Amino acid sequence: MLFRSNLKKCVNCPPGMAYDISQNMCINCPPDQPYFDGSKCTTCQSPTYYSPELRTCTSCTYGRIYNQ
């Protein structure tokens, strides 16, 4: 969420954008780094996938594979 001083309240970033706390603004991540981990835009290398809950690249548990 982003605090808008002119509105005196917190607002969500628009869809497809992420809040960058270091810049105090909503940002778009470039296509080659489509995930925002809370501090920077990033990408995941196969066979990992991006977990929005953990905000990091994650591997599947043993015996499972990620199917894009």
N, C-alpha and C. Protein backbone atom coordinates (compact mmCIF):
# COMPACT_ATOMS: atom_id res chain seq x y z
N MET A 1 0.84 -1.18 0.00
CA MET A 1 0.00 0.00 0.00
C MET A 1 0.88 1.23 0.00
N LEU A 2 0.33 2.26 -0.53
CA LEU A 2 1.04 3.52 -0.68
C LEU A 2 0.26 4.61 0.04
N PHE A 3 0.94 5.40 0.87
CA PHE A 3 0.27 6.51 1.55
C PHE A 3 0.23 7.72 0.64
N ARG A 4 -0.96 8.21 0.39
CA ARG A 4 -1.16 9.41 -0.42
C ARG A 4 -1.45 10.57 0.52
N SER A 5 -0.46 11.47 0.66
CA SER A 5 -0.62 12.57 1.60
C SER A 5 -1.76 13.51 1.19
N ASN A 6 -1.98 13.67 -0.12
CA ASN A 6 -3.06 14.55 -0.56
C ASN A 6 -4.43 13.98 -0.18
N LEU A 7 -4.53 12.64 -0.11
CA LEU A 7 -5.78 12.00 0.28
C LEU A 7 -5.81 11.68 1.77
N LYS A 8 -4.63 11.74 2.40
CA LYS A 8 -4.46 11.40 3.81
C LYS A 8 -4.93 9.99 4.12
N LYS A 9 -4.58 9.04 3.22
CA LYS A 9 -4.92 7.64 3.45
C LYS A 9 -4.03 6.74 2.60
N CYS A 10 -4.04 5.45 2.95
CA CYS A 10 -3.29 4.46 2.19
C CYS A 10 -4.15 3.95 1.04
N VAL A 11 -3.51 3.74 -0.10
CA VAL A 11 -4.21 3.21 -1.27
C VAL A 11 -3.38 2.06 -1.85
N ASN A 12 -4.06 1.13 -2.52
CA ASN A 12 -3.37 0.02 -3.18
C ASN A 12 -2.75 0.50 -4.48
N CYS A 13 -1.67 -0.16 -4.88
CA CYS A 13 -1.10 0.10 -6.20
C CYS A 13 -2.08 -0.41 -7.25
N PRO A 14 -2.09 0.19 -8.43
CA PRO A 14 -2.95 -0.29 -9.50
C PRO A 14 -2.60 -1.73 -9.88
N PRO A 15 -3.55 -2.47 -10.46
CA PRO A 15 -3.27 -3.85 -10.88
C PRO A 15 -2.04 -3.92 -11.79
N GLY A 16 -1.21 -4.93 -11.57
CA GLY A 16 -0.01 -5.11 -12.37
C GLY A 16 1.19 -4.33 -11.89
N MET A 17 1.03 -3.56 -10.83
CA MET A 17 2.13 -2.78 -10.27
C MET A 17 2.41 -3.27 -8.86
N ALA A 18 3.62 -2.97 -8.36
CA ALA A 18 4.03 -3.37 -7.02
C ALA A 18 4.55 -2.16 -6.27
N TYR A 19 4.39 -2.17 -4.95
CA TYR A 19 4.90 -1.08 -4.13
C TYR A 19 6.36 -1.30 -3.80
N ASP A 20 7.19 -0.32 -4.14
CA ASP A 20 8.62 -0.35 -3.85
C ASP A 20 8.86 0.58 -2.67
N ILE A 21 9.14 -0.01 -1.50
CA ILE A 21 9.30 0.78 -0.29
C ILE A 21 10.51 1.72 -0.36
N SER A 22 11.56 1.31 -1.07
CA SER A 22 12.76 2.15 -1.15
C SER A 22 12.51 3.43 -1.95
N GLN A 23 11.58 3.36 -2.91
CA GLN A 23 11.26 4.54 -3.71
C GLN A 23 9.95 5.19 -3.27
N ASN A 24 9.23 4.53 -2.36
CA ASN A 24 7.93 5.00 -1.88
C ASN A 24 6.98 5.29 -3.04
N MET A 25 6.92 4.31 -3.96
CA MET A 25 6.03 4.47 -5.11
C MET A 25 5.69 3.12 -5.72
N CYS A 26 4.64 3.12 -6.53
CA CYS A 26 4.25 1.92 -7.26
C CYS A 26 5.11 1.83 -8.52
N ILE A 27 5.58 0.63 -8.84
CA ILE A 27 6.43 0.45 -10.02
C ILE A 27 5.93 -0.69 -10.88
N ASN A 28 6.31 -0.65 -12.16
CA ASN A 28 6.11 -1.76 -13.08
C ASN A 28 7.42 -2.50 -13.20
N CYS A 29 7.39 -3.81 -13.14
CA CYS A 29 8.59 -4.60 -13.34
C CYS A 29 8.74 -4.88 -14.84
N PRO A 30 9.98 -4.89 -15.36
CA PRO A 30 10.19 -5.17 -16.78
C PRO A 30 9.86 -6.62 -17.11
N PRO A 31 9.53 -6.90 -18.36
CA PRO A 31 9.15 -8.26 -18.77
C PRO A 31 10.19 -9.33 -18.43
N ASP A 32 11.48 -8.98 -18.45
CA ASP A 32 12.51 -9.98 -18.16
C ASP A 32 12.72 -10.19 -16.66
N GLN A 33 12.07 -9.37 -15.82
CA GLN A 33 12.10 -9.53 -14.36
C GLN A 33 10.69 -9.22 -13.83
N PRO A 34 9.75 -10.12 -14.09
CA PRO A 34 8.34 -9.81 -13.84
C PRO A 34 7.86 -9.89 -12.39
N TYR A 35 8.71 -10.36 -11.48
CA TYR A 35 8.27 -10.56 -10.10
C TYR A 35 8.92 -9.54 -9.17
N PHE A 36 8.16 -9.06 -8.20
CA PHE A 36 8.68 -8.10 -7.22
C PHE A 36 8.78 -8.80 -5.88
N ASP A 37 10.00 -8.88 -5.32
CA ASP A 37 10.22 -9.62 -4.08
C ASP A 37 10.12 -8.76 -2.82
N GLY A 38 9.66 -7.54 -2.99
CA GLY A 38 9.54 -6.63 -1.86
C GLY A 38 10.61 -5.57 -1.84
N SER A 39 11.70 -5.80 -2.59
CA SER A 39 12.76 -4.80 -2.67
C SER A 39 13.25 -4.56 -4.09
N LYS A 40 13.03 -5.53 -4.98
CA LYS A 40 13.49 -5.38 -6.37
C LYS A 40 12.70 -6.31 -7.29
N CYS A 41 12.73 -5.99 -8.58
CA CYS A 41 12.15 -6.87 -9.59
C CYS A 41 13.13 -8.02 -9.82
N THR A 42 12.60 -9.20 -10.04
CA THR A 42 13.45 -10.37 -10.18
C THR A 42 12.81 -11.38 -11.14
N THR A 43 13.55 -12.42 -11.45
CA THR A 43 13.06 -13.52 -12.28
C THR A 43 13.45 -14.83 -11.63
N CYS A 44 12.84 -15.90 -12.04
CA CYS A 44 13.18 -17.23 -11.52
C CYS A 44 13.70 -18.09 -12.66
N GLN A 45 14.71 -18.86 -12.38
CA GLN A 45 15.27 -19.77 -13.36
C GLN A 45 14.66 -21.15 -13.19
N SER A 46 14.38 -21.80 -14.29
CA SER A 46 13.83 -23.15 -14.26
C SER A 46 14.83 -24.07 -13.54
N PRO A 47 14.41 -24.92 -12.69
CA PRO A 47 13.07 -25.44 -12.46
C PRO A 47 12.34 -24.78 -11.29
N THR A 48 12.73 -23.58 -10.88
CA THR A 48 12.03 -22.92 -9.79
C THR A 48 10.86 -22.10 -10.32
N TYR A 49 9.97 -21.70 -9.42
CA TYR A 49 8.84 -20.86 -9.77
C TYR A 49 8.73 -19.77 -8.70
N TYR A 50 8.02 -18.68 -9.04
CA TYR A 50 7.88 -17.58 -8.09
C TYR A 50 6.69 -17.83 -7.17
N SER A 51 6.92 -17.76 -5.88
CA SER A 51 5.86 -17.91 -4.89
C SER A 51 5.49 -16.52 -4.36
N PRO A 52 4.30 -16.00 -4.70
CA PRO A 52 3.92 -14.69 -4.21
C PRO A 52 3.77 -14.64 -2.69
N GLU A 53 3.42 -15.76 -2.08
CA GLU A 53 3.29 -15.80 -0.62
C GLU A 53 4.65 -15.63 0.06
N LEU A 54 5.68 -16.27 -0.49
CA LEU A 54 7.03 -16.20 0.08
C LEU A 54 7.85 -15.06 -0.51
N ARG A 55 7.40 -14.52 -1.64
CA ARG A 55 8.12 -13.46 -2.38
C ARG A 55 9.52 -13.89 -2.76
N THR A 56 9.63 -15.13 -3.22
CA THR A 56 10.93 -15.65 -3.63
C THR A 56 10.74 -16.80 -4.62
N CYS A 57 11.82 -17.16 -5.31
CA CYS A 57 11.80 -18.32 -6.19
C CYS A 57 11.87 -19.56 -5.31
N THR A 58 11.07 -20.54 -5.66
CA THR A 58 10.92 -21.74 -4.84
C THR A 58 10.98 -22.98 -5.70
N SER A 59 11.49 -24.06 -5.14
CA SER A 59 11.51 -25.35 -5.82
C SER A 59 10.33 -26.17 -5.36
N CYS A 60 9.89 -27.07 -6.20
CA CYS A 60 8.82 -28.00 -5.82
C CYS A 60 9.35 -28.98 -4.78
N THR A 61 8.43 -29.52 -4.00
CA THR A 61 8.82 -30.52 -3.02
C THR A 61 9.25 -31.79 -3.75
N TYR A 62 9.99 -32.63 -3.06
CA TYR A 62 10.55 -33.85 -3.64
C TYR A 62 9.46 -34.68 -4.31
N GLY A 63 9.75 -35.13 -5.53
CA GLY A 63 8.82 -35.97 -6.27
C GLY A 63 7.80 -35.21 -7.09
N ARG A 64 7.85 -33.89 -7.07
CA ARG A 64 6.91 -33.08 -7.84
C ARG A 64 7.68 -32.19 -8.80
N ILE A 65 6.99 -31.78 -9.88
CA ILE A 65 7.58 -30.86 -10.84
C ILE A 65 6.64 -29.69 -11.06
N TYR A 66 7.21 -28.56 -11.47
CA TYR A 66 6.41 -27.38 -11.78
C TYR A 66 6.08 -27.39 -13.26
N ASN A 67 4.82 -27.34 -13.61
CA ASN A 67 4.38 -27.35 -15.00
C ASN A 67 3.82 -25.99 -15.35
N GLN A 68 4.56 -25.24 -16.17
CA GLN A 68 4.11 -23.90 -16.54
C GLN A 68 2.92 -24.04 -17.42
